[in-house]
């Protein structure tokens, strides 16, 4: 069985109201989110789960009318571009074999055009649902929240062999399982990664904070609340280590970014 190393690549912070973090949350209470790409490496492959957002400007333009200046996404000092983050691990964008998306929101997919030689990965059901929403013209999947350049890159990949679309619980690579979750967005996808410390669950934005799991409260930004509840149950049932998508405490728990794998 292949085991993977996992490194967090934090790149930005944002203040958000609890009403966004929790269904029924207090809009007057705020907390700090962190933003990550997640680097997976095995002896055979380099996978980047979510590829970050080098330029938060377009997304901030959509956020500011809703949350004001306080809610803007602010890049971390010391380098937040994905090429810089990869370089700290001795990698370039050309070393990434697969970019796996938890969903296609801008903070998870914006940098997709920077990886023209990589394959893309998303659950088959998630991609079908995303396309259905896009074709409906409902505006649910519009730019800048689903960035046009990134989505067009994935669409182009879907016409060849560059887009990997496993069905539920499929395993496109040994030690990596893919599951459609929905809930937060129609395309929300979760991953289970085999590591030397046991399974590590990357649930994407259906679990924003460790508190979503601890208190069993779904996220406040959703398209299907029942799917969000099912995703929480799935994450909890798997056991192992969960990586809530925007949990700032992960930066303290894993100060060097290493979640699993040898150090030094």
Protein backbone atom coordinates (compact mmCIF):
# COMPACT_ATOMS: atom_id res chain seq x y z
CA UNK A 1 0.00 0.00 0.00
CA UNK A 2 1.32 3.42 -0.97
CA UNK A 3 1.67 5.93 1.83
CA UNK A 4 1.83 9.66 1.28
CA UNK A 5 3.50 12.56 3.00
CA UNK A 6 1.30 15.61 3.55
CA UNK A 7 2.37 19.24 3.90
CA UNK A 8 0.14 22.26 4.42
CA UNK A 9 0.93 25.32 2.31
CA UNK A 10 -0.79 28.26 4.07
CA UNK A 11 -1.07 31.38 1.95
CA UNK A 12 -3.69 33.82 3.32
CA UNK A 13 -5.91 34.86 6.22
CA UNK A 14 -9.44 36.28 6.37
CA UNK A 15 -11.90 37.36 9.04
CA UNK A 16 -15.37 35.87 8.57
CA UNK A 17 -18.63 36.07 10.53
CA UNK A 18 -19.79 33.00 12.45
CA UNK A 19 -22.94 32.98 10.33
CA UNK A 20 -20.70 31.89 7.45
CA UNK A 21 -18.89 29.27 9.52
CA UNK A 22 -21.97 27.70 11.13
CA UNK A 23 -25.53 27.20 9.96
CA UNK A 24 -27.50 29.48 12.28
CA UNK A 25 -24.31 31.19 13.50
CA UNK A 26 -24.10 34.69 14.99
CA UNK A 27 -23.48 37.28 12.23
CA UNK A 28 -22.02 39.62 14.86
CA UNK A 29 -19.24 37.25 15.93
CA UNK A 30 -16.16 36.86 13.76
CA UNK A 31 -13.21 34.48 13.58
CA UNK A 32 -10.06 34.14 11.52
CA UNK A 33 -9.79 31.72 8.61
CA UNK A 34 -6.55 30.41 7.12
CA UNK A 35 -6.22 29.37 3.48
CA UNK A 36 -4.18 26.36 2.40
CA UNK A 37 -3.07 24.31 -0.53
CA UNK A 38 -2.18 20.74 0.51
CA UNK A 39 0.86 18.99 -0.91
CA UNK A 40 0.78 15.19 -1.18
CA UNK A 41 3.87 13.21 -2.17
CA UNK A 42 4.49 9.50 -2.67
CA UNK A 43 7.34 7.66 -4.34
CA UNK A 44 5.34 7.81 -7.57
CA UNK A 45 3.49 11.12 -7.70
CA UNK A 46 3.14 14.72 -6.54
CA UNK A 47 -0.45 15.83 -5.95
CA UNK A 48 -1.60 19.31 -4.98
CA UNK A 49 -5.01 19.31 -3.33
CA UNK A 50 -6.35 22.75 -4.21
CA UNK A 51 -3.88 25.04 -5.91
CA UNK A 52 -4.42 28.33 -4.11
CA UNK A 53 -5.02 31.85 -5.32
CA UNK A 54 -2.05 34.06 -6.14
CA UNK A 55 -4.23 37.13 -6.70
CA UNK A 56 -7.13 37.57 -4.25
CA UNK A 57 -8.17 40.83 -5.91
CA UNK A 58 -10.99 39.49 -8.10
CA UNK A 59 -12.52 37.48 -5.26
CA UNK A 60 -12.10 40.36 -2.81
CA UNK A 61 -14.04 42.55 -5.23
CA UNK A 62 -17.00 40.22 -4.70
CA UNK A 63 -16.44 39.91 -0.95
CA UNK A 64 -16.09 43.58 -0.06
CA UNK A 65 -19.72 44.60 -0.79
CA UNK A 66 -20.87 41.82 1.56
CA UNK A 67 -18.29 41.79 4.37
CA UNK A 68 -16.54 45.13 3.96
CA UNK A 69 -12.83 45.76 4.39
CA UNK A 70 -12.71 43.56 7.49
CA UNK A 71 -13.63 40.49 5.46
CA UNK A 72 -11.00 40.81 2.73
CA UNK A 73 -8.59 37.93 2.08
CA UNK A 74 -5.06 39.02 2.93
CA UNK A 75 -1.98 37.12 1.67
CA UNK A 76 0.51 36.00 4.27
CA UNK A 77 3.76 37.92 4.47
CA UNK A 78 6.91 36.17 3.36
CA UNK A 79 5.52 34.71 0.15
CA UNK A 80 2.05 33.47 -0.69
CA UNK A 81 2.36 32.61 -4.38
CA UNK A 82 2.06 28.95 -5.17
CA UNK A 83 5.44 28.81 -6.94
CA UNK A 84 7.12 30.21 -3.83
CA UNK A 85 5.30 27.76 -1.56
CA UNK A 86 6.29 24.81 -3.75
CA UNK A 87 9.90 26.02 -3.97
CA UNK A 88 10.19 25.71 -0.19
CA UNK A 89 9.74 21.98 -0.77
CA UNK A 90 12.19 21.81 -3.65
CA UNK A 91 9.42 21.73 -6.28
CA UNK A 92 8.24 23.79 -9.23
CA UNK A 93 4.79 23.86 -10.80
CA UNK A 94 6.07 21.48 -13.47
CA UNK A 95 6.76 18.85 -10.79
CA UNK A 96 3.06 18.62 -9.88
CA UNK A 97 1.50 15.58 -11.53
CA UNK A 98 -2.12 16.14 -10.43
CA UNK A 99 -4.08 19.13 -9.13
CA UNK A 100 -6.99 17.71 -7.12
CA UNK A 101 -9.86 20.09 -6.37
CA UNK A 102 -12.08 19.94 -3.32
CA UNK A 103 -14.29 22.27 -5.38
CA UNK A 104 -13.85 25.05 -7.90
CA UNK A 105 -14.30 28.14 -5.74
CA UNK A 106 -11.61 30.72 -6.47
CA UNK A 107 -9.50 30.18 -3.36
CA UNK A 108 -9.20 26.50 -4.31
CA UNK A 109 -8.86 26.70 -8.10
CA UNK A 110 -7.68 30.17 -9.17
CA UNK A 111 -4.13 29.03 -9.95
CA UNK A 112 -5.19 26.10 -12.16
CA UNK A 113 -3.89 27.78 -15.36
CA UNK A 114 -0.39 27.76 -13.80
CA UNK A 115 -0.33 23.95 -14.13
CA UNK A 116 -0.75 23.31 -17.88
CA UNK A 117 1.15 20.02 -17.73
CA UNK A 118 -0.69 18.55 -14.74
CA UNK A 119 -3.80 16.45 -14.78
CA UNK A 120 -6.84 17.66 -12.84
CA UNK A 121 -8.90 15.58 -10.43
CA UNK A 122 -12.49 16.01 -9.19
CA UNK A 123 -15.26 13.59 -8.36
CA UNK A 124 -17.32 12.55 -11.38
CA UNK A 125 -20.59 13.44 -9.67
CA UNK A 126 -19.22 16.81 -8.61
CA UNK A 127 -18.19 17.62 -12.18
CA UNK A 128 -21.58 16.51 -13.54
CA UNK A 129 -23.38 18.73 -11.05
CA UNK A 130 -21.09 21.67 -11.75
CA UNK A 131 -21.73 21.38 -15.48
CA UNK A 132 -25.49 21.14 -14.90
CA UNK A 133 -25.42 24.35 -12.86
CA UNK A 134 -23.25 26.08 -15.45
CA UNK A 135 -25.56 25.04 -18.27
CA UNK A 136 -28.63 26.18 -16.34
CA UNK A 137 -27.38 29.77 -16.37
CA UNK A 138 -28.48 30.19 -12.76
CA UNK A 139 -25.45 32.28 -11.80
CA UNK A 140 -24.58 29.93 -8.94
CA UNK A 141 -21.22 29.12 -10.55
CA UNK A 142 -20.35 32.56 -11.90
CA UNK A 143 -17.06 34.48 -11.87
CA UNK A 144 -15.31 35.64 -9.65
CA UNK A 145 -16.37 33.02 -7.09
CA UNK A 146 -15.85 30.29 -9.70
CA UNK A 147 -13.07 31.95 -11.72
CA UNK A 148 -13.62 31.76 -15.45
CA UNK A 149 -9.96 31.19 -16.36
CA UNK A 150 -9.66 28.22 -14.00
CA UNK A 151 -12.97 26.67 -15.02
CA UNK A 152 -12.14 27.07 -18.69
CA UNK A 153 -8.85 25.30 -18.04
CA UNK A 154 -10.68 22.38 -16.46
CA UNK A 155 -13.26 22.35 -19.25
CA UNK A 156 -10.47 22.15 -21.84
CA UNK A 157 -8.89 19.29 -19.89
CA UNK A 158 -12.21 17.43 -19.92
CA UNK A 159 -12.00 17.07 -23.71
CA UNK A 160 -8.87 14.92 -23.44
CA UNK A 161 -7.28 12.69 -20.83
CA UNK A 162 -6.15 15.43 -18.45
CA UNK A 163 -9.29 15.45 -16.29
CA UNK A 164 -9.63 12.50 -13.93
CA UNK A 165 -13.21 11.88 -12.80
CA UNK A 166 -13.47 8.86 -10.49
CA UNK A 167 -16.87 7.75 -9.31
CA UNK A 168 -17.66 7.68 -5.59
CA UNK A 169 -14.92 6.12 -3.47
CA UNK A 170 -12.77 5.60 -6.53
CA UNK A 171 -8.99 5.46 -6.18
CA UNK A 172 -7.18 7.12 -9.09
CA UNK A 173 -3.88 6.57 -7.28
CA UNK A 174 -2.92 3.95 -4.73
CA UNK A 175 -3.57 5.26 -1.23
CA UNK A 176 -5.88 8.08 -2.37
CA UNK A 177 -9.68 7.77 -2.28
CA UNK A 178 -12.08 10.32 -3.79
CA UNK A 179 -15.66 10.91 -2.64
CA UNK A 180 -18.33 13.30 -3.83
CA UNK A 181 -19.76 15.25 -0.88
CA UNK A 182 -21.76 18.16 -2.27
CA UNK A 183 -23.32 20.31 0.39
CA UNK A 184 -21.15 23.41 0.35
CA UNK A 185 -21.11 23.53 -3.46
CA UNK A 186 -22.52 21.07 -5.94
CA UNK A 187 -19.01 19.93 -6.87
CA UNK A 188 -17.60 19.56 -3.34
CA UNK A 189 -15.24 16.59 -3.19
CA UNK A 190 -13.42 14.93 -0.29
CA UNK A 191 -10.21 12.91 -0.23
CA UNK A 192 -8.88 10.19 2.07
CA UNK A 193 -5.11 9.80 2.05
CA UNK A 194 -3.18 6.83 3.44
CA UNK A 195 -0.18 7.93 5.51
CA UNK A 196 2.20 6.40 8.02
CA UNK A 197 0.07 7.92 10.82
CA UNK A 198 -3.18 6.49 9.43
CA UNK A 199 -5.87 7.96 7.18
CA UNK A 200 -5.95 11.72 6.71
CA UNK A 201 -9.25 13.20 5.55
CA UNK A 202 -9.30 16.33 3.38
CA UNK A 203 -13.00 17.26 3.35
CA UNK A 204 -12.77 20.67 1.71
CA UNK A 205 -15.22 23.39 2.64
CA UNK A 206 -17.90 21.09 4.02
CA UNK A 207 -15.73 21.29 7.16
CA UNK A 208 -14.37 24.80 7.54
CA UNK A 209 -13.43 24.65 11.20
CA UNK A 210 -12.62 22.00 13.78
CA UNK A 211 -15.69 23.34 15.60
CA UNK A 212 -17.93 22.12 12.77
CA UNK A 213 -16.83 18.60 13.65
CA UNK A 214 -16.67 19.02 17.42
CA UNK A 215 -20.16 20.49 17.73
CA UNK A 216 -21.61 18.66 14.71
CA UNK A 217 -22.83 21.91 13.13
CA UNK A 218 -22.76 22.26 9.31
CA UNK A 219 -21.13 25.21 7.61
CA UNK A 220 -23.24 28.30 7.10
CA UNK A 221 -22.51 28.56 3.38
CA UNK A 222 -24.22 25.70 1.62
CA UNK A 223 -26.33 24.57 -1.32
CA UNK A 224 -27.67 21.46 0.47
CA UNK A 225 -27.77 21.32 4.26
CA UNK A 226 -28.52 17.60 4.41
CA UNK A 227 -25.46 16.86 2.29
CA UNK A 228 -23.39 19.02 4.63
CA UNK A 229 -24.60 16.97 7.60
CA UNK A 230 -23.82 13.73 5.75
CA UNK A 231 -20.33 15.03 4.94
CA UNK A 232 -19.69 15.75 8.62
CA UNK A 233 -20.80 12.23 9.49
CA UNK A 234 -18.57 10.76 6.76
CA UNK A 235 -15.55 12.71 8.00
CA UNK A 236 -16.15 11.67 11.60
CA UNK A 237 -16.82 8.01 10.78
CA UNK A 238 -13.52 7.63 8.94
CA UNK A 239 -11.58 8.48 12.07
CA UNK A 240 -7.94 9.35 11.59
CA UNK A 241 -6.87 12.95 11.12
CA UNK A 242 -9.18 15.52 9.54
CA UNK A 243 -7.91 18.75 7.98
CA UNK A 244 -10.72 21.32 8.18
CA UNK A 245 -10.27 23.52 5.14
CA UNK A 246 -9.86 26.90 6.87
CA UNK A 247 -8.89 25.96 10.43
CA UNK A 248 -6.25 28.46 11.55
CA UNK A 249 -5.18 26.19 14.42
CA UNK A 250 -3.62 23.83 11.88
CA UNK A 251 -0.81 26.39 11.57
CA UNK A 252 -0.09 25.91 15.28
CA UNK A 253 -0.62 22.15 15.43
CA UNK A 254 1.65 21.71 12.39
CA UNK A 255 4.04 24.70 12.66
CA UNK A 256 6.35 23.34 9.95
CA UNK A 257 3.37 22.36 7.80
CA UNK A 258 4.15 18.64 7.98
CA UNK A 259 1.03 16.60 8.74
CA UNK A 260 2.39 13.17 7.85
CA UNK A 261 5.67 11.76 6.63
CA UNK A 262 9.31 11.82 7.75
CA UNK A 263 10.93 15.02 8.97
CA UNK A 264 14.42 16.10 8.21
